[in-house]
Amino acid sequence: MIVRAALLLATAALGIAAAPAPGPTAKQFTALRVAKGEKCPPIRKLACAPLGDPTEFKCSWQEQFKGKPWTTSTALVARDGAGWTWLDDGPRCSSLPQS
């Protein structure tokens, strides 16, 4: 019984350690979008999947420009110390139609 409990505990610990690092939160992703000094529309449905490198992610989200339907966008981001950075120069919110 003790051996079985120890085995289950070891298996759980290995499963937690093997889990990939999460991508940016919605708050972190929004901060990254506006860090370029651009005015970006609201987003929803942010989902980030790891690429080959565990610090790099492909993120997709929906954004809504004023009076327009929600549209899907994608970008590549990477963990940069405690923060995040664009791998593909990120979205250009100001160059997109805002109204």
PDB file of N, CA and C in Angstrom:
ATOM      1  N   MET A   1       0.824  -1.193   0.000  1.00  0.00           N
ATOM      2  CA  MET A   1       0.000   0.000   0.000  1.00  0.00           C
ATOM      3  C   MET A   1       0.872   1.262   0.000  1.00  0.00           C
ATOM      4  N   ILE A   2       1.902   1.309   0.838  1.00  0.00           N
ATOM      5  CA  ILE A   2       2.789   2.473   0.908  1.00  0.00           C
ATOM      6  C   ILE A   2       3.548   2.639  -0.400  1.00  0.00           C
ATOM      7  N   VAL A   3       3.988   1.517  -0.980  1.00  0.00           N
ATOM      8  CA  VAL A   3       4.709   1.570  -2.251  1.00  0.00           C
ATOM      9  C   VAL A   3       3.796   2.120  -3.345  1.00  0.00           C
ATOM     10  N   ARG A   4       2.545   1.687  -3.363  1.00  0.00           N
ATOM     11  CA  ARG A   4       1.593   2.164  -4.373  1.00  0.00           C
ATOM     12  C   ARG A   4       1.357   3.669  -4.235  1.00  0.00           C
ATOM     13  N   ALA A   5       1.197   4.146  -3.005  1.00  0.00           N
ATOM     14  CA  ALA A   5       1.002   5.577  -2.773  1.00  0.00           C
ATOM     15  C   ALA A   5       2.221   6.372  -3.214  1.00  0.00           C
ATOM     16  N   ALA A   6       3.418   5.866  -2.915  1.00  0.00           N
ATOM     17  CA  ALA A   6       4.648   6.548  -3.329  1.00  0.00           C
ATOM     18  C   ALA A   6       4.761   6.584  -4.848  1.00  0.00           C
ATOM     19  N   LEU A   7       4.369   5.508  -5.508  1.00  0.00           N
ATOM     20  CA  LEU A   7       4.403   5.443  -6.965  1.00  0.00           C
ATOM     21  C   LEU A   7       3.433   6.453  -7.580  1.00  0.00           C
ATOM     22  N   LEU A   8       2.234   6.554  -7.029  1.00  0.00           N
ATOM     23  CA  LEU A   8       1.260   7.522  -7.527  1.00  0.00           C
ATOM     24  C   LEU A   8       1.751   8.948  -7.328  1.00  0.00           C
ATOM     25  N   LEU A   9       2.360   9.215  -6.178  1.00  0.00           N
ATOM     26  CA  LEU A   9       2.895  10.542  -5.906  1.00  0.00           C
ATOM     27  C   LEU A   9       4.022  10.885  -6.864  1.00  0.00           C
ATOM     28  N   ALA A  10       4.915   9.940  -7.121  1.00  0.00           N
ATOM     29  CA  ALA A  10       6.023  10.168  -8.048  1.00  0.00           C
ATOM     30  C   ALA A  10       5.510  10.394  -9.461  1.00  0.00           C
ATOM     31  N   THR A  11       4.518   9.634  -9.877  1.00  0.00           N
ATOM     32  CA  THR A  11       3.933   9.795 -11.211  1.00  0.00           C
ATOM     33  C   THR A  11       3.282  11.169 -11.353  1.00  0.00           C
ATOM     34  N   ALA A  12       2.558  11.595 -10.343  1.00  0.00           N
ATOM     35  CA  ALA A  12       1.913  12.919 -10.380  1.00  0.00           C
ATOM     36  C   ALA A  12       2.960  14.018 -10.439  1.00  0.00           C
ATOM     37  N   ALA A  13       4.029  13.878  -9.656  1.00  0.00           N
ATOM     38  CA  ALA A  13       5.084  14.895  -9.660  1.00  0.00           C
ATOM     39  C   ALA A  13       5.747  14.983 -11.024  1.00  0.00           C
ATOM     40  N   LEU A  14       5.986  13.859 -11.660  1.00  0.00           N
ATOM     41  CA  LEU A  14       6.583  13.866 -12.992  1.00  0.00           C
ATOM     42  C   LEU A  14       5.640  14.490 -14.010  1.00  0.00           C
ATOM     43  N   GLY A  15       4.358  14.236 -13.895  1.00  0.00           N
ATOM     44  CA  GLY A  15       3.382  14.819 -14.811  1.00  0.00           C
ATOM     45  C   GLY A  15       3.332  16.325 -14.704  1.00  0.00           C
ATOM     46  N   ILE A  16       3.420  16.842 -13.501  1.00  0.00           N
ATOM     47  CA  ILE A  16       3.413  18.291 -13.301  1.00  0.00           C
ATOM     48  C   ILE A  16       4.688  18.908 -13.854  1.00  0.00           C
ATOM     49  N   ALA A  17       5.829  18.272 -13.611  1.00  0.00           N
ATOM     50  CA  ALA A  17       7.103  18.801 -14.077  1.00  0.00           C
ATOM     51  C   ALA A  17       7.195  18.770 -15.592  1.00  0.00           C
ATOM     52  N   ALA A  18       6.539  17.811 -16.239  1.00  0.00           N
ATOM     53  CA  ALA A  18       6.630  17.664 -17.681  1.00  0.00           C
ATOM     54  C   ALA A  18       5.661  18.577 -18.430  1.00  0.00           C
ATOM     55  N   ALA A  19       4.740  19.219 -17.737  1.00  0.00           N
ATOM     56  CA  ALA A  19       3.763  20.080 -18.398  1.00  0.00           C
ATOM     57  C   ALA A  19       4.461  21.288 -19.037  1.00  0.00           C
ATOM     58  N   PRO A  20       4.090  21.640 -20.267  1.00  0.00           N
ATOM     59  CA  PRO A  20       4.724  22.792 -20.917  1.00  0.00           C
ATOM     60  C   PRO A  20       4.367  24.097 -20.203  1.00  0.00           C
ATOM     61  N   ALA A  21       5.258  25.057 -20.287  1.00  0.00           N
ATOM     62  CA  ALA A  21       5.004  26.372 -19.697  1.00  0.00           C
ATOM     63  C   ALA A  21       3.831  27.017 -20.419  1.00  0.00           C
ATOM     64  N   PRO A  22       2.968  27.718 -19.696  1.00  0.00           N
ATOM     65  CA  PRO A  22       1.816  28.358 -20.350  1.00  0.00           C
ATOM     66  C   PRO A  22       2.239  29.586 -21.150  1.00  0.00           C
ATOM     67  N   GLY A  23       1.408  29.922 -22.119  1.00  0.00           N
ATOM     68  CA  GLY A  23       1.634  31.139 -22.883  1.00  0.00           C
ATOM     69  C   GLY A  23       1.199  32.349 -22.076  1.00  0.00           C
ATOM     70  N   PRO A  24       1.211  33.521 -22.688  1.00  0.00           N
ATOM     71  CA  PRO A  24       0.826  34.734 -21.964  1.00  0.00           C
ATOM     72  C   PRO A  24      -0.650  34.732 -21.581  1.00  0.00           C
ATOM     73  N   THR A  25      -0.953  35.366 -20.452  1.00  0.00           N
ATOM     74  CA  THR A  25      -2.343  35.552 -20.053  1.00  0.00           C
ATOM     75  C   THR A  25      -2.943  36.635 -20.939  1.00  0.00           C
ATOM     76  N   ALA A  26      -4.245  36.793 -20.896  1.00  0.00           N
ATOM     77  CA  ALA A  26      -4.901  37.847 -21.681  1.00  0.00           C
ATOM     78  C   ALA A  26      -4.379  39.223 -21.269  1.00  0.00           C
ATOM     79  N   LYS A  27      -4.151  39.419 -19.970  1.00  0.00           N
ATOM     80  CA  LYS A  27      -3.640  40.699 -19.485  1.00  0.00           C
ATOM     81  C   LYS A  27      -2.223  40.951 -20.009  1.00  0.00           C
ATOM     82  N   GLN A  28      -1.366  39.935 -19.969  1.00  0.00           N
ATOM     83  CA  GLN A  28      -0.001  40.078 -20.472  1.00  0.00           C
ATOM     84  C   GLN A  28      -0.002  40.321 -21.978  1.00  0.00           C
ATOM     85  N   PHE A  29      -0.867  39.622 -22.693  1.00  0.00           N
ATOM     86  CA  PHE A  29      -0.925  39.767 -24.147  1.00  0.00           C
ATOM     87  C   PHE A  29      -1.421  41.161 -24.528  1.00  0.00           C
ATOM     88  N   THR A  30      -2.410  41.663 -23.824  1.00  0.00           N
ATOM     89  CA  THR A  30      -2.921  43.007 -24.085  1.00  0.00           C
ATOM     90  C   THR A  30      -1.835  44.045 -23.810  1.00  0.00           C
ATOM     91  N   ALA A  31      -1.099  43.880 -22.714  1.00  0.00           N
ATOM     92  CA  ALA A  31      -0.005  44.808 -22.402  1.00  0.00           C
ATOM     93  C   ALA A  31       1.050  44.786 -23.498  1.00  0.00           C
ATOM     94  N   LEU A  32       1.346  43.626 -24.039  1.00  0.00           N
ATOM     95  CA  LEU A  32       2.318  43.518 -25.128  1.00  0.00           C
ATOM     96  C   LEU A  32       1.809  44.226 -26.377  1.00  0.00           C
ATOM     97  N   ARG A  33       0.522  44.098 -26.666  1.00  0.00           N
ATOM     98  CA  ARG A  33      -0.053  44.737 -27.859  1.00  0.00           C
ATOM     99  C   ARG A  33       0.036  46.255 -27.791  1.00  0.00           C
ATOM    100  N   VAL A  34      -0.216  46.839 -26.633  1.00  0.00           N
ATOM    101  CA  VAL A  34      -0.238  48.301 -26.536  1.00  0.00           C
ATOM    102  C   VAL A  34       1.135  48.879 -26.184  1.00  0.00           C
ATOM    103  N   ALA A  35       2.122  48.023 -25.910  1.00  0.00           N
ATOM    104  CA  ALA A  35       3.468  48.496 -25.555  1.00  0.00           C
ATOM    105  C   ALA A  35       4.128  49.238 -26.712  1.00  0.00           C
ATOM    106  N   LYS A  36       3.669  49.003 -27.913  1.00  0.00           N
ATOM    107  CA  LYS A  36       4.232  49.682 -29.078  1.00  0.00           C
ATOM    108  C   LYS A  36       3.632  51.076 -29.249  1.00  0.00           C
ATOM    109  N   GLY A  37       2.816  51.501 -28.296  1.00  0.00           N
ATOM    110  CA  GLY A  37       2.214  52.824 -28.364  1.00  0.00           C
ATOM    111  C   GLY A  37       1.025  52.896 -29.295  1.00  0.00           C
ATOM    112  N   GLU A  38       0.486  51.757 -29.640  1.00  0.00           N
ATOM    113  CA  GLU A  38      -0.654  51.729 -30.553  1.00  0.00           C
ATOM    114  C   GLU A  38      -1.952  51.568 -29.790  1.00  0.00           C
ATOM    115  N   LYS A  39      -3.019  52.017 -30.400  1.00  0.00           N
ATOM    116  CA  LYS A  39      -4.352  51.821 -29.843  1.00  0.00           C
ATOM    117  C   LYS A  39      -4.923  50.568 -30.491  1.00  0.00           C
ATOM    118  N   CYS A  40      -5.132  49.543 -29.694  1.00  0.00           N
ATOM    119  CA  CYS A  40      -5.625  48.271 -30.208  1.00  0.00           C
ATOM    120  C   CYS A  40      -7.053  48.029 -29.735  1.00  0.00           C
ATOM    121  N   PRO A  41      -7.853  47.338 -30.554  1.00  0.00           N
ATOM    122  CA  PRO A  41      -9.235  47.049 -30.167  1.00  0.00           C
ATOM    123  C   PRO A  41      -9.286  45.963 -29.093  1.00  0.00           C
ATOM    124  N   PRO A  42     -10.441  45.779 -28.464  1.00  0.00           N
ATOM    125  CA  PRO A  42     -10.599  44.716 -27.471  1.00  0.00           C
ATOM    126  C   PRO A  42     -10.391  43.344 -28.100  1.00  0.00           C
ATOM    127  N   ILE A  43      -9.947  42.381 -27.268  1.00  0.00           N
ATOM    128  CA  ILE A  43      -9.771  41.018 -27.753  1.00  0.00           C
ATOM    129  C   ILE A  43     -10.592  40.046 -26.907  1.00  0.00           C
ATOM    130  N   ARG A  44     -10.809  38.867 -27.471  1.00  0.00           N
ATOM    131  CA  ARG A  44     -11.450  37.762 -26.754  1.00  0.00           C
ATOM    132  C   ARG A  44     -10.899  36.462 -27.335  1.00  0.00           C
ATOM    133  N   LYS A  45     -11.164  35.365 -26.663  1.00  0.00           N
ATOM    134  CA  LYS A  45     -10.801  34.028 -27.120  1.00  0.00           C
ATOM    135  C   LYS A  45      -9.308  33.887 -27.430  1.00  0.00           C
ATOM    136  N   LEU A  46      -8.449  34.408 -26.557  1.00  0.00           N
ATOM    137  CA  LEU A  46      -7.009  34.253 -26.727  1.00  0.00           C
ATOM    138  C   LEU A  46      -6.619  32.801 -26.460  1.00  0.00           C
ATOM    139  N   ALA A  47      -5.863  32.219 -27.374  1.00  0.00           N
ATOM    140  CA  ALA A  47      -5.350  30.855 -27.214  1.00  0.00           C
ATOM    141  C   ALA A  47      -3.926  30.820 -27.748  1.00  0.00           C
ATOM    142  N   CYS A  48      -2.993  30.333 -26.935  1.00  0.00           N
ATOM    143  CA  CYS A  48      -1.594  30.262 -27.336  1.00  0.00           C
ATOM    144  C   CYS A  48      -1.100  28.832 -27.227  1.00  0.00           C
ATOM    145  N   ALA A  49      -0.477  28.341 -28.297  1.00  0.00           N
ATOM    146  CA  ALA A  49       0.049  26.976 -28.328  1.00  0.00           C
ATOM    147  C   ALA A  49       1.562  27.032 -28.463  1.00  0.00           C
ATOM    148  N   PRO A  50       2.280  26.189 -27.698  1.00  0.00           N
ATOM    149  CA  PRO A  50       3.735  26.203 -27.788  1.00  0.00           C
ATOM    150  C   PRO A  50       4.212  25.733 -29.153  1.00  0.00           C
ATOM    151  N   LEU A  51       5.323  26.325 -29.585  1.00  0.00           N
ATOM    152  CA  LEU A  51       5.976  25.894 -30.825  1.00  0.00           C
ATOM    153  C   LEU A  51       7.046  24.876 -30.441  1.00  0.00           C
ATOM    154  N   GLY A  52       8.030  24.624 -31.280  1.00  0.00           N
ATOM    155  CA  GLY A  52       9.089  23.668 -30.972  1.00  0.00           C
ATOM    156  C   GLY A  52       9.900  24.050 -29.746  1.00  0.00           C
ATOM    157  N   ASP A  53      10.173  25.335 -29.572  1.00  0.00           N
ATOM    158  CA  ASP A  53      10.889  25.842 -28.407  1.00  0.00           C
ATOM    159  C   ASP A  53       9.846  26.101 -27.318  1.00  0.00           C
ATOM    160  N   PRO A  54      10.049  25.601 -26.100  1.00  0.00           N
ATOM    161  CA  PRO A  54       9.030  25.766 -25.062  1.00  0.00           C
ATOM    162  C   PRO A  54       8.799  27.205 -24.606  1.00  0.00           C
ATOM    163  N   THR A  55       9.617  28.147 -25.069  1.00  0.00           N
ATOM    164  CA  THR A  55       9.409  29.551 -24.703  1.00  0.00           C
ATOM    165  C   THR A  55       8.706  30.322 -25.813  1.00  0.00           C
ATOM    166  N   GLU A  56       8.426  29.671 -26.932  1.00  0.00           N
ATOM    167  CA  GLU A  56       7.808  30.335 -28.082  1.00  0.00           C
ATOM    168  C   GLU A  56       6.393  29.807 -28.305  1.00  0.00           C
ATOM    169  N   PHE A  57       5.481  30.725 -28.642  1.00  0.00           N
ATOM    170  CA  PHE A  57       4.064  30.372 -28.788  1.00  0.00           C
ATOM    171  C   PHE A  57       3.456  31.035 -30.014  1.00  0.00           C
ATOM    172  N   LYS A  58       2.501  30.335 -30.612  1.00  0.00           N
ATOM    173  CA  LYS A  58       1.662  30.932 -31.653  1.00  0.00           C
ATOM    174  C   LYS A  58       0.338  31.228 -30.993  1.00  0.00           C
ATOM    175  N   CYS A  59      -0.046  32.490 -30.990  1.00  0.00           N
ATOM    176  CA  CYS A  59      -1.287  32.909 -30.350  1.00  0.00           C
ATOM    177  C   CYS A  59      -2.312  33.310 -31.393  1.00  0.00           C
ATOM    178  N   SER A  60      -3.554  32.983 -31.119  1.00  0.00           N
ATOM    179  CA  SER A  60      -4.663  33.442 -31.960  1.00  0.00           C
ATOM    180  C   SER A  60      -5.689  34.074 -31.033  1.00  0.00           C
ATOM    181  N   TRP A  61      -6.409  35.035 -31.558  1.00  0.00           N
ATOM    182  CA  TRP A  61      -7.426  35.732 -30.782  1.00  0.00           C
ATOM    183  C   TRP A  61      -8.415  36.368 -31.734  1.00  0.00           C
ATOM    184  N   GLN A  62      -9.505  36.816 -31.181  1.00  0.00           N
ATOM    185  CA  GLN A  62     -10.465  37.590 -31.959  1.00  0.00           C
ATOM    186  C   GLN A  62     -10.406  39.026 -31.464  1.00  0.00           C
ATOM    187  N   GLU A  63     -10.509  39.953 -32.403  1.00  0.00           N
ATOM    188  CA  GLU A  63     -10.538  41.365 -32.052  1.00  0.00           C
ATOM    189  C   GLU A  63     -11.697  42.029 -32.772  1.00  0.00           C
ATOM    190  N   GLN A  64     -12.177  43.112 -32.167  1.00  0.00           N
ATOM    191  CA  GLN A  64     -13.324  43.795 -32.763  1.00  0.00           C
ATOM    192  C   GLN A  64     -13.040  45.278 -32.869  1.00  0.00           C
ATOM    193  N   PHE A  65     -12.964  45.744 -34.098  1.00  0.00           N
ATOM    194  CA  PHE A  65     -12.838  47.173 -34.345  1.00  0.00           C
ATOM    195  C   PHE A  65     -14.222  47.790 -34.290  1.00  0.00           C
ATOM    196  N   LYS A  66     -14.283  49.024 -33.920  1.00  0.00           N
ATOM    197  CA  LYS A  66     -15.552  49.719 -33.706  1.00  0.00           C
ATOM    198  C   LYS A  66     -16.518  49.514 -34.873  1.00  0.00           C
ATOM    199  N   GLY A  67     -17.704  48.979 -34.551  1.00  0.00           N
ATOM    200  CA  GLY A  67     -18.742  48.792 -35.552  1.00  0.00           C
ATOM    201  C   GLY A  67     -18.512  47.645 -36.517  1.00  0.00           C
ATOM    202  N   LYS A  68     -17.488  46.854 -36.306  1.00  0.00           N
ATOM    203  CA  LYS A  68     -17.159  45.754 -37.216  1.00  0.00           C
ATOM    204  C   LYS A  68     -17.360  44.414 -36.503  1.00  0.00           C
ATOM    205  N   PRO A  69     -17.481  43.319 -37.260  1.00  0.00           N
ATOM    206  CA  PRO A  69     -17.605  41.998 -36.621  1.00  0.00           C
ATOM    207  C   PRO A  69     -16.266  41.548 -36.031  1.00  0.00           C
ATOM    208  N   TRP A  70     -16.317  40.589 -35.119  1.00  0.00           N
ATOM    209  CA  TRP A  70     -15.099  40.021 -34.540  1.00  0.00           C
ATOM    210  C   TRP A  70     -14.322  39.298 -35.636  1.00  0.00           C
ATOM    211  N   THR A  71     -13.011  39.520 -35.696  1.00  0.00           N
ATOM    212  CA  THR A  71     -12.152  38.851 -36.675  1.00  0.00           C
ATOM    213  C   THR A  71     -11.000  38.156 -35.948  1.00  0.00           C
ATOM    214  N   THR A  72     -10.513  37.077 -36.529  1.00  0.00           N
ATOM    215  CA  THR A  72      -9.430  36.303 -35.935  1.00  0.00           C
ATOM    216  C   THR A  72      -8.079  36.795 -36.438  1.00  0.00           C
ATOM    217  N   SER A  73      -7.120  36.907 -35.519  1.00  0.00           N
ATOM    218  CA  SER A  73      -5.750  37.290 -35.856  1.00  0.00           C
ATOM    219  C   SER A  73      -4.788  36.315 -35.180  1.00  0.00           C
ATOM    220  N   THR A  74      -3.563  36.252 -35.684  1.00  0.00           N
ATOM    221  CA  THR A  74      -2.540  35.395 -35.087  1.00  0.00           C
ATOM    222  C   THR A  74      -1.211  36.147 -35.021  1.00  0.00           C
ATOM    223  N   ALA A  75      -0.358  35.725 -34.090  1.00  0.00           N
ATOM    224  CA  ALA A  75       0.984  36.289 -33.963  1.00  0.00           C
ATOM    225  C   ALA A  75       1.862  35.307 -33.200  1.00  0.00           C
ATOM    226  N   LEU A  76       3.167  35.485 -33.313  1.00  0.00           N
ATOM    227  CA  LEU A  76       4.132  34.654 -32.603  1.00  0.00           C
ATOM    228  C   LEU A  76       4.763  35.466 -31.476  1.00  0.00           C
ATOM    229  N   VAL A  77       4.804  34.870 -30.278  1.00  0.00           N
ATOM    230  CA  VAL A  77       5.390  35.542 -29.114  1.00  0.00           C
ATOM    231  C   VAL A  77       6.381  34.600 -28.435  1.00  0.00           C
ATOM    232  N   ALA A  78       7.268  35.191 -27.629  1.00  0.00           N
ATOM    233  CA  ALA A  78       8.244  34.393 -26.877  1.00  0.00           C
ATOM    234  C   ALA A  78       8.395  34.987 -25.489  1.00  0.00           C
ATOM    235  N   ARG A  79       8.659  34.109 -24.535  1.00  0.00           N
ATOM    236  CA  ARG A  79       8.953  34.565 -23.174  1.00  0.00           C
ATOM    237  C   ARG A  79      10.285  35.295 -23.221  1.00  0.00           C
ATOM    238  N   ASP A  80      10.325  36.463 -22.585  1.00  0.00           N
ATOM    239  CA  ASP A  80      11.532  37.285 -22.545  1.00  0.00           C
ATOM    240  C   ASP A  80      11.780  37.660 -21.087  1.00  0.00           C
ATOM    241  N   GLY A  81      12.517  36.820 -20.369  1.00  0.00           N
ATOM    242  CA  GLY A  81      12.693  37.037 -18.935  1.00  0.00           C
ATOM    243  C   GLY A  81      11.358  36.827 -18.246  1.00  0.00           C
ATOM    244  N   ALA A  82      10.899  37.844 -17.520  1.00  0.00           N
ATOM    245  CA  ALA A  82       9.606  37.762 -16.837  1.00  0.00           C
ATOM    246  C   ALA A  82       8.461  38.241 -17.725  1.00  0.00           C
ATOM    247  N   GLY A  83       8.777  38.767 -18.916  1.00  0.00           N
ATOM    248  CA  GLY A  83       7.749  39.309 -19.804  1.00  0.00           C
ATOM    249  C   GLY A  83       7.651  38.545 -21.112  1.00  0.00           C
ATOM    250  N   TRP A  84       7.119  39.232 -22.123  1.00  0.00           N
ATOM    251  CA  TRP A  84       6.880  38.645 -23.440  1.00  0.00           C
ATOM    252  C   TRP A  84       7.360  39.592 -24.519  1.00  0.00           C
ATOM    253  N   THR A  85       7.710  39.040 -25.675  1.00  0.00           N
ATOM    254  CA  THR A  85       8.120  39.847 -26.820  1.00  0.00           C
ATOM    255  C   THR A  85       7.562  39.225 -28.099  1.00  0.00           C
ATOM    256  N   TRP A  86       7.454  40.031 -29.152  1.00  0.00           N
ATOM    257  CA  TRP A  86       6.961  39.544 -30.446  1.00  0.00           C
ATOM    258  C   TRP A  86       8.087  38.824 -31.172  1.00  0.00           C
ATOM    259  N   LEU A  87       7.787  37.730 -31.832  1.00  0.00           N
ATOM    260  CA  LEU A  87       8.745  37.056 -32.710  1.00  0.00           C
ATOM    261  C   LEU A  87       8.557  37.515 -34.153  1.00  0.00           C
ATOM    262  N   ASP A  88       7.365  37.986 -34.472  1.00  0.00           N
ATOM    263  CA  ASP A  88       7.034  38.370 -35.848  1.00  0.00           C
ATOM    264  C   ASP A  88       6.653  39.845 -35.951  1.00  0.00           C
ATOM    265  N   ASP A  89       7.157  40.679 -35.061  1.00  0.00           N
ATOM    266  CA  ASP A  89       6.898  42.115 -35.013  1.00  0.00           C
ATOM    267  C   ASP A  89       5.480  42.454 -34.572  1.00  0.00           C
ATOM    268  N   GLY A  90       4.662  41.451 -34.292  1.00  0.00           N
ATOM    269  CA  GLY A  90       3.342  41.688 -33.720  1.00  0.00           C
ATOM    270  C   GLY A  90       2.366  42.390 -34.640  1.00  0.00           C
ATOM    271  N   PRO A  91       1.132  42.536 -34.182  1.00  0.00           N
ATOM    272  CA  PRO A  91       0.097  43.188 -34.989  1.00  0.00           C
ATOM    273  C   PRO A  91       0.320  44.696 -35.053  1.00  0.00           C
ATOM    274  N   ARG A  92      -0.077  45.295 -36.122  1.00  0.00           N
ATOM    275  CA  ARG A  92      -0.004  46.746 -36.294  1.00  0.00           C
ATOM    276  C   ARG A  92      -1.419  47.302 -36.134  1.00  0.00           C
ATOM    277  N   CYS A  93      -1.856  47.456 -34.916  1.00  0.00           N
ATOM    278  CA  CYS A  93      -3.239  47.888 -34.642  1.00  0.00           C
ATOM    279  C   CYS A  93      -3.569  49.239 -35.285  1.00  0.00           C
ATOM    280  N   SER A  94      -2.628  50.172 -35.244  1.00  0.00           N
ATOM    281  CA  SER A  94      -2.893  51.513 -35.776  1.00  0.00           C
ATOM    282  C   SER A  94      -3.087  51.514 -37.286  1.00  0.00           C
ATOM    283  N   SER A  95      -2.504  50.527 -37.969  1.00  0.00           N
ATOM    284  CA  SER A  95      -2.634  50.491 -39.421  1.00  0.00           C
ATOM    285  C   SER A  95      -3.905  49.787 -39.871  1.00  0.00           C
ATOM    286  N   LEU A  96      -4.638  49.216 -38.924  1.00  0.00           N
ATOM    287  CA  LEU A  96      -5.883  48.540 -39.247  1.00  0.00           C
ATOM    288  C   LEU A  96      -7.053  49.502 -39.077  1.00  0.00           C
ATOM    289  N   PRO A  97      -8.163  49.259 -39.764  1.00  0.00           N
ATOM    290  CA  PRO A  97      -9.313  50.171 -39.643  1.00  0.00           C
ATOM    291  C   PRO A  97      -9.855  50.191 -38.206  1.00  0.00           C
ATOM    292  N   GLN A  98      -9.936  51.349 -37.601  1.00  0.00           N
ATOM    293  CA  GLN A  98     -10.416  51.490 -36.234  1.00  0.00           C
ATOM    294  C   GLN A  98     -11.891  51.878 -36.163  1.00  0.00           C
ATOM    295  N   SER A  99     -12.457  52.300 -37.250  1.00  0.00           N
ATOM    296  CA  SER A  99     -13.861  52.714 -37.185  1.00  0.00           C
ATOM    297  C   SER A  99     -14.681  52.104 -38.282  1.00  0.00           C
TER     298      SER A  99
END
